[in-house]
PDB file of N, CA and C in Angstrom:
ATOM      1  N   MET A   1    -142.213 -33.610-117.006  1.00  0.00           N
ATOM      2  CA  MET A   1    -143.432 -34.435-117.229  1.00  0.00           C
ATOM      3  C   MET A   1    -143.244 -35.751-116.460  1.00  0.00           C
ATOM      4  N   PRO A   2    -144.251 -36.185-115.677  1.00  0.00           N
ATOM      5  CA  PRO A   2    -144.097 -37.404-114.932  1.00  0.00           C
ATOM      6  C   PRO A   2    -144.130 -38.651-115.884  1.00  0.00           C
ATOM      7  N   GLN A   3    -143.378 -39.643-115.519  1.00  0.00           N
ATOM      8  CA  GLN A   3    -143.287 -40.854-116.317  1.00  0.00           C
ATOM      9  C   GLN A   3    -144.573 -41.691-116.064  1.00  0.00           C
ATOM     10  N   SER A   4    -144.936 -42.442-117.056  1.00  0.00           N
ATOM     11  CA  SER A   4    -146.108 -43.266-116.947  1.00  0.00           C
ATOM     12  C   SER A   4    -145.771 -44.510-116.043  1.00  0.00           C
ATOM     13  N   THR A   5    -146.706 -44.894-115.212  1.00  0.00           N
ATOM     14  CA  THR A   5    -146.455 -46.039-114.320  1.00  0.00           C
ATOM     15  C   THR A   5    -147.019 -47.305-114.974  1.00  0.00           C
ATOM     16  N   ARG A   6    -147.297 -47.249-116.238  1.00  0.00           N
ATOM     17  CA  ARG A   6    -147.800 -48.370-116.958  1.00  0.00           C
ATOM     18  C   ARG A   6    -146.771 -49.473-117.082  1.00  0.00           C
ATOM     19  N   PRO A   7    -147.165 -50.776-116.816  1.00  0.00           N
ATOM     20  CA  PRO A   7    -146.131 -51.841-116.958  1.00  0.00           C
ATOM     21  C   PRO A   7    -145.719 -52.049-118.404  1.00  0.00           C
ATOM     22  N   SER A   8    -144.510 -52.523-118.592  1.00  0.00           N
ATOM     23  CA  SER A   8    -144.026 -52.813-119.942  1.00  0.00           C
ATOM     24  C   SER A   8    -144.721 -54.051-120.466  1.00  0.00           C
ATOM     25  N   LYS A   9    -144.465 -54.366-121.766  1.00  0.00           N
ATOM     26  CA  LYS A   9    -145.103 -55.485-122.406  1.00  0.00           C
ATOM     27  C   LYS A   9    -144.690 -56.834-121.696  1.00  0.00           C
ATOM     28  N   GLY A  10    -143.410 -56.964-121.272  1.00  0.00           N
ATOM     29  CA  GLY A  10    -142.919 -58.169-120.601  1.00  0.00           C
ATOM     30  C   GLY A  10    -143.625 -58.335-119.235  1.00  0.00           C
ATOM     31  N   GLN A  11    -143.803 -57.193-118.570  1.00  0.00           N
ATOM     32  CA  GLN A  11    -144.481 -57.212-117.253  1.00  0.00           C
ATOM     33  C   GLN A  11    -145.957 -57.582-117.442  1.00  0.00           C
ATOM     34  N   GLN A  12    -146.577 -57.098-118.517  1.00  0.00           N
ATOM     35  CA  GLN A  12    -148.000 -57.387-118.744  1.00  0.00           C
ATOM     36  C   GLN A  12    -148.174 -58.882-119.039  1.00  0.00           C
ATOM     37  N   GLY A  13    -147.254 -59.393-119.818  1.00  0.00           N
ATOM     38  CA  GLY A  13    -147.287 -60.883-120.128  1.00  0.00           C
ATOM     39  C   GLY A  13    -147.165 -61.696-118.873  1.00  0.00           C
ATOM     40  N   ALA A  14    -146.298 -61.309-117.927  1.00  0.00           N
ATOM     41  CA  ALA A  14    -146.068 -62.063-116.695  1.00  0.00           C
ATOM     42  C   ALA A  14    -147.293 -61.914-115.882  1.00  0.00           C
ATOM     43  N   LEU A  15    -147.851 -60.728-115.792  1.00  0.00           N
ATOM     44  CA  LEU A  15    -149.075 -60.518-115.010  1.00  0.00           C
ATOM     45  C   LEU A  15    -150.243 -61.367-115.519  1.00  0.00           C
ATOM     46  N   LEU A  16    -150.394 -61.345-116.788  1.00  0.00           N
ATOM     47  CA  LEU A  16    -151.482 -62.140-117.414  1.00  0.00           C
ATOM     48  C   LEU A  16    -151.243 -63.676-117.148  1.00  0.00           C
ATOM     49  N   ARG A  17    -149.972 -64.132-117.221  1.00  0.00           N
ATOM     50  CA  ARG A  17    -149.703 -65.520-117.049  1.00  0.00           C
ATOM     51  C   ARG A  17    -149.969 -65.920-115.596  1.00  0.00           C
ATOM     52  N   TYR A  18    -149.589 -65.118-114.587  1.00  0.00           N
ATOM     53  CA  TYR A  18    -149.855 -65.466-113.197  1.00  0.00           C
ATOM     54  C   TYR A  18    -151.315 -65.289-112.850  1.00  0.00           C
ATOM     55  N   THR A  19    -152.026 -64.347-113.467  1.00  0.00           N
ATOM     56  CA  THR A  19    -153.455 -64.251-113.217  1.00  0.00           C
ATOM     57  C   THR A  19    -154.168 -65.484-113.772  1.00  0.00           C
ATOM     58  N   SER A  20    -153.781 -65.919-114.901  1.00  0.00           N
ATOM     59  CA  SER A  20    -154.430 -67.125-115.449  1.00  0.00           C
ATOM     60  C   SER A  20    -154.091 -68.368-114.649  1.00  0.00           C
ATOM     61  N   MET A  21    -152.898 -68.419-114.105  1.00  0.00           N
ATOM     62  CA  MET A  21    -152.489 -69.533-113.258  1.00  0.00           C
ATOM     63  C   MET A  21    -153.308 -69.567-112.006  1.00  0.00           C
ATOM     64  N   ALA A  22    -153.569 -68.428-111.416  1.00  0.00           N
ATOM     65  CA  ALA A  22    -154.408 -68.365-110.175  1.00  0.00           C
ATOM     66  C   ALA A  22    -155.833 -68.748-110.465  1.00  0.00           C
ATOM     67  N   SER A  23    -156.385 -68.333-111.665  1.00  0.00           N
ATOM     68  CA  SER A  23    -157.699 -68.732-112.062  1.00  0.00           C
ATOM     69  C   SER A  23    -157.792 -70.215-112.270  1.00  0.00           C
ATOM     70  N   GLN A  24    -156.762 -70.781-112.898  1.00  0.00           N
ATOM     71  CA  GLN A  24    -156.782 -72.227-113.146  1.00  0.00           C
ATOM     72  C   GLN A  24    -156.710 -72.976-111.861  1.00  0.00           C
ATOM     73  N   MET A  25    -155.951 -72.515-110.919  1.00  0.00           N
ATOM     74  CA  MET A  25    -155.852 -73.176-109.578  1.00  0.00           C
ATOM     75  C   MET A  25    -157.214 -73.132-108.885  1.00  0.00           C
ATOM     76  N   ALA A  26    -157.885 -71.994-108.912  1.00  0.00           N
ATOM     77  CA  ALA A  26    -159.181 -71.876-108.275  1.00  0.00           C
ATOM     78  C   ALA A  26    -160.206 -72.795-108.889  1.00  0.00           C
ATOM     79  N   ILE A  27    -160.232 -72.866-110.221  1.00  0.00           N
ATOM     80  CA  ILE A  27    -161.148 -73.727-110.908  1.00  0.00           C
ATOM     81  C   ILE A  27    -160.869 -75.209-110.612  1.00  0.00           C
ATOM     82  N   THR A  28    -159.632 -75.607-110.558  1.00  0.00           N
ATOM     83  CA  THR A  28    -159.225 -76.973-110.272  1.00  0.00           C
ATOM     84  C   THR A  28    -159.691 -77.349-108.843  1.00  0.00           C
ATOM     85  N   ILE A  29    -159.413 -76.497-107.903  1.00  0.00           N
ATOM     86  CA  ILE A  29    -159.824 -76.779-106.520  1.00  0.00           C
ATOM     87  C   ILE A  29    -161.314 -76.785-106.402  1.00  0.00           C
ATOM     88  N   PHE A  30    -161.990 -75.883-107.053  1.00  0.00           N
ATOM     89  CA  PHE A  30    -163.482 -75.860-106.956  1.00  0.00           C
ATOM     90  C   PHE A  30    -164.058 -77.184-107.587  1.00  0.00           C
ATOM     91  N   LEU A  31    -163.490 -77.625-108.675  1.00  0.00           N
ATOM     92  CA  LEU A  31    -164.068 -78.861-109.278  1.00  0.00           C
ATOM     93  C   LEU A  31    -163.822 -80.043-108.378  1.00  0.00           C
ATOM     94  N   GLY A  32    -162.654 -80.131-107.704  1.00  0.00           N
ATOM     95  CA  GLY A  32    -162.403 -81.236-106.784  1.00  0.00           C
ATOM     96  C   GLY A  32    -163.364 -81.239-105.602  1.00  0.00           C
ATOM     97  N   VAL A  33    -163.631 -80.045-105.081  1.00  0.00           N
ATOM     98  CA  VAL A  33    -164.580 -79.959-103.983  1.00  0.00           C
ATOM     99  C   VAL A  33    -165.990 -80.276-104.433  1.00  0.00           C
ATOM    100  N   TRP A  34    -166.366 -79.782-105.617  1.00  0.00           N
ATOM    101  CA  TRP A  34    -167.736 -79.990-106.145  1.00  0.00           C
ATOM    102  C   TRP A  34    -167.918 -81.473-106.398  1.00  0.00           C
ATOM    103  N   LEU A  35    -166.982 -82.146-107.012  1.00  0.00           N
ATOM    104  CA  LEU A  35    -167.076 -83.557-107.288  1.00  0.00           C
ATOM    105  C   LEU A  35    -167.177 -84.320-105.979  1.00  0.00           C
ATOM    106  N   GLY A  36    -166.407 -83.906-104.973  1.00  0.00           N
ATOM    107  CA  GLY A  36    -166.493 -84.543-103.653  1.00  0.00           C
ATOM    108  C   GLY A  36    -167.863 -84.400-102.998  1.00  0.00           C
ATOM    109  N   ILE A  37    -168.444 -83.257-103.113  1.00  0.00           N
ATOM    110  CA  ILE A  37    -169.775 -82.996-102.595  1.00  0.00           C
ATOM    111  C   ILE A  37    -170.812 -83.855-103.297  1.00  0.00           C
ATOM    112  N   LYS A  38    -170.693 -83.958-104.633  1.00  0.00           N
ATOM    113  CA  LYS A  38    -171.647 -84.776-105.387  1.00  0.00           C
ATOM    114  C   LYS A  38    -171.486 -86.249-105.016  1.00  0.00           C
ATOM    115  N   ALA A  39    -170.267 -86.721-104.818  1.00  0.00           N
ATOM    116  CA  ALA A  39    -170.001 -88.077-104.434  1.00  0.00           C
ATOM    117  C   ALA A  39    -170.569 -88.354-103.009  1.00  0.00           C
ATOM    118  N   ASP A  40    -170.400 -87.357-102.130  1.00  0.00           N
ATOM    119  CA  ASP A  40    -170.952 -87.568-100.737  1.00  0.00           C
ATOM    120  C   ASP A  40    -172.488 -87.588-100.791  1.00  0.00           C
ATOM    121  N   GLU A  41    -173.130 -86.860-101.711  1.00  0.00           N
ATOM    122  CA  GLU A  41    -174.604 -86.917-101.875  1.00  0.00           C
ATOM    123  C   GLU A  41    -175.025 -88.257-102.375  1.00  0.00           C
ATOM    124  N   HIS A  42    -174.237 -88.779-103.282  1.00  0.00           N
ATOM    125  CA  HIS A  42    -174.577 -90.081-103.896  1.00  0.00           C
ATOM    126  C   HIS A  42    -174.336 -91.288-103.008  1.00  0.00           C
ATOM    127  N   TRP A  43    -173.215 -91.244-102.274  1.00  0.00           N
ATOM    128  CA  TRP A  43    -172.805 -92.329-101.375  1.00  0.00           C
ATOM    129  C   TRP A  43    -172.647 -91.738 -99.973  1.00  0.00           C
ATOM    130  N   PRO A  44    -173.696 -91.460 -99.193  1.00  0.00           N
ATOM    131  CA  PRO A  44    -173.572 -90.827 -97.869  1.00  0.00           C
ATOM    132  C   PRO A  44    -172.931 -91.844 -96.936  1.00  0.00           C
ATOM    133  N   LEU A  45    -171.830 -91.409 -96.248  1.00  0.00           N
ATOM    134  CA  LEU A  45    -171.095 -92.301 -95.323  1.00  0.00           C
ATOM    135  C   LEU A  45    -171.169 -91.752 -93.891  1.00  0.00           C
ATOM    136  N   GLY A  46    -171.799 -90.674 -93.717  1.00  0.00           N
ATOM    137  CA  GLY A  46    -171.860 -90.073 -92.375  1.00  0.00           C
ATOM    138  C   GLY A  46    -170.865 -88.933 -92.152  1.00  0.00           C
ATOM    139  N   ILE A  47    -169.724 -89.026 -92.805  1.00  0.00           N
ATOM    140  CA  ILE A  47    -168.727 -87.943 -92.785  1.00  0.00           C
ATOM    141  C   ILE A  47    -168.418 -87.617 -94.217  1.00  0.00           C
ATOM    142  N   PRO A  48    -168.074 -86.337 -94.467  1.00  0.00           N
ATOM    143  CA  PRO A  48    -167.830 -85.896 -95.849  1.00  0.00           C
ATOM    144  C   PRO A  48    -166.486 -86.370 -96.411  1.00  0.00           C
ATOM    145  N   ILE A  49    -166.185 -87.629 -96.427  1.00  0.00           N
ATOM    146  CA  ILE A  49    -164.873 -88.115 -96.832  1.00  0.00           C
ATOM    147  C   ILE A  49    -164.566 -87.841 -98.279  1.00  0.00           C
ATOM    148  N   PHE A  50    -165.546 -87.922 -99.164  1.00  0.00           N
ATOM    149  CA  PHE A  50    -165.310 -87.628-100.583  1.00  0.00           C
ATOM    150  C   PHE A  50    -165.058 -86.113-100.832  1.00  0.00           C
ATOM    151  N   THR A  51    -165.673 -85.254-100.042  1.00  0.00           N
ATOM    152  CA  THR A  51    -165.315 -83.846-100.158  1.00  0.00           C
ATOM    153  C   THR A  51    -163.904 -83.552 -99.673  1.00  0.00           C
ATOM    154  N   LEU A  52    -163.482 -84.195 -98.638  1.00  0.00           N
ATOM    155  CA  LEU A  52    -162.100 -84.082 -98.150  1.00  0.00           C
ATOM    156  C   LEU A  52    -161.136 -84.569 -99.232  1.00  0.00           C
ATOM    157  N   ILE A  53    -161.416 -85.727 -99.748  1.00  0.00           N
ATOM    158  CA  ILE A  53    -160.522 -86.305-100.778  1.00  0.00           C
ATOM    159  C   ILE A  53    -160.508 -85.418-102.021  1.00  0.00           C
ATOM    160  N   GLY A  54    -161.691 -85.029-102.432  1.00  0.00           N
ATOM    161  CA  GLY A  54    -161.762 -84.151-103.652  1.00  0.00           C
ATOM    162  C   GLY A  54    -161.067 -82.846-103.467  1.00  0.00           C
ATOM    163  N   SER A  55    -161.172 -82.171-102.278  1.00  0.00           N
ATOM    164  CA  SER A  55    -160.480 -80.943-102.036  1.00  0.00           C
ATOM    165  C   SER A  55    -158.967 -81.085-101.993  1.00  0.00           C
ATOM    166  N   LEU A  56    -158.489 -82.138-101.367  1.00  0.00           N
ATOM    167  CA  LEU A  56    -157.071 -82.414-101.290  1.00  0.00           C
ATOM    168  C   LEU A  56    -156.514 -82.743-102.706  1.00  0.00           C
ATOM    169  N   ALA A  57    -157.300 -83.551-103.446  1.00  0.00           N
ATOM    170  CA  ALA A  57    -156.876 -83.934-104.809  1.00  0.00           C
ATOM    171  C   ALA A  57    -156.825 -82.638-105.699  1.00  0.00           C
ATOM    172  N   GLY A  58    -157.777 -81.752-105.518  1.00  0.00           N
ATOM    173  CA  GLY A  58    -157.797 -80.476-106.293  1.00  0.00           C
ATOM    174  C   GLY A  58    -156.591 -79.635-105.979  1.00  0.00           C
ATOM    175  N   VAL A  59    -156.207 -79.547-104.751  1.00  0.00           N
ATOM    176  CA  VAL A  59    -155.064 -78.727-104.321  1.00  0.00           C
ATOM    177  C   VAL A  59    -153.787 -79.354-104.805  1.00  0.00           C
ATOM    178  N   VAL A  60    -153.640 -80.681-104.711  1.00  0.00           N
ATOM    179  CA  VAL A  60    -152.470 -81.310-105.206  1.00  0.00           C
ATOM    180  C   VAL A  60    -152.285 -81.140-106.739  1.00  0.00           C
ATOM    181  N   MET A  61    -153.393 -81.293-107.444  1.00  0.00           N
ATOM    182  CA  MET A  61    -153.368 -81.153-108.913  1.00  0.00           C
ATOM    183  C   MET A  61    -153.034 -79.700-109.270  1.00  0.00           C
ATOM    184  N   ALA A  62    -153.608 -78.722-108.584  1.00  0.00           N
ATOM    185  CA  ALA A  62    -153.399 -77.362-108.910  1.00  0.00           C
ATOM    186  C   ALA A  62    -151.947 -76.971-108.651  1.00  0.00           C
ATOM    187  N   VAL A  63    -151.381 -77.412-107.544  1.00  0.00           N
ATOM    188  CA  VAL A  63    -149.958 -77.089-107.215  1.00  0.00           C
ATOM    189  C   VAL A  63    -149.059 -77.780-108.243  1.00  0.00           C
ATOM    190  N   TYR A  64    -149.374 -78.999-108.639  1.00  0.00           N
ATOM    191  CA  TYR A  64    -148.574 -79.744-109.638  1.00  0.00           C
ATOM    192  C   TYR A  64    -148.550 -78.984-110.963  1.00  0.00           C
ATOM    193  N   VAL A  65    -149.729 -78.509-111.398  1.00  0.00           N
ATOM    194  CA  VAL A  65    -149.766 -77.759-112.700  1.00  0.00           C
ATOM    195  C   VAL A  65    -149.008 -76.462-112.639  1.00  0.00           C
ATOM    196  N   VAL A  66    -149.096 -75.771-111.483  1.00  0.00           N
ATOM    197  CA  VAL A  66    -148.348 -74.514-111.299  1.00  0.00           C
ATOM    198  C   VAL A  66    -146.821 -74.746-111.354  1.00  0.00           C
ATOM    199  N   ILE A  67    -146.377 -75.782-110.604  1.00  0.00           N
ATOM    200  CA  ILE A  67    -144.936 -76.104-110.573  1.00  0.00           C
ATOM    201  C   ILE A  67    -144.473 -76.487-111.988  1.00  0.00           C
ATOM    202  N   ARG A  68    -145.257 -77.319-112.698  1.00  0.00           N
ATOM    203  CA  ARG A  68    -144.879 -77.687-114.011  1.00  0.00           C
ATOM    204  C   ARG A  68    -144.788 -76.543-114.964  1.00  0.00           C
ATOM    205  N   ASP A  69    -145.755 -75.624-114.889  1.00  0.00           N
ATOM    206  CA  ASP A  69    -145.703 -74.409-115.742  1.00  0.00           C
ATOM    207  C   ASP A  69    -144.507 -73.486-115.455  1.00  0.00           C
ATOM    208  N   VAL A  70    -144.249 -73.326-114.144  1.00  0.00           N
ATOM    209  CA  VAL A  70    -143.167 -72.434-113.772  1.00  0.00           C
ATOM    210  C   VAL A  70    -141.804 -73.029-114.201  1.00  0.00           C
ATOM    211  N   LEU A  71    -141.636 -74.315-114.033  1.00  0.00           N
ATOM    212  CA  LEU A  71    -140.395 -74.959-114.466  1.00  0.00           C
ATOM    213  C   LEU A  71    -140.267 -74.990-115.953  1.00  0.00           C
ATOM    214  N   LYS A  72    -141.387 -75.154-116.686  1.00  0.00           N
ATOM    215  CA  LYS A  72    -141.339 -75.180-118.155  1.00  0.00           C
ATOM    216  C   LYS A  72    -140.984 -73.725-118.739  1.00  0.00           C
ATOM    217  N   ASN A  73    -141.422 -72.715-118.083  1.00  0.00           N
ATOM    218  CA  ASN A  73    -141.200 -71.360-118.592  1.00  0.00           C
ATOM    219  C   ASN A  73    -139.886 -70.748-118.050  1.00  0.00           C
ATOM    220  N   ARG A  74    -139.060 -71.505-117.500  1.00  0.00           N
ATOM    221  CA  ARG A  74    -137.789 -70.952-117.018  1.00  0.00           C
ATOM    222  C   ARG A  74    -136.897 -70.465-118.112  1.00  0.00           C
TER     223      ARG A  74
END
């Protein structure tokens, strides 16, 4: 009889943790970009500087949270 290819409970927990981490990263980056776009609409400067700042801030925050979580769960 063939063995089941179903992941074990430990693997399922890790999969869920990394999936939620990726979702959290996407939401953080999206919020940074969205806030930057809104700031550019409110204070138009000719170039989308707030969108750039918001997107970079979102990426930095997302990477920081992921690194912190990975080091905490060691």
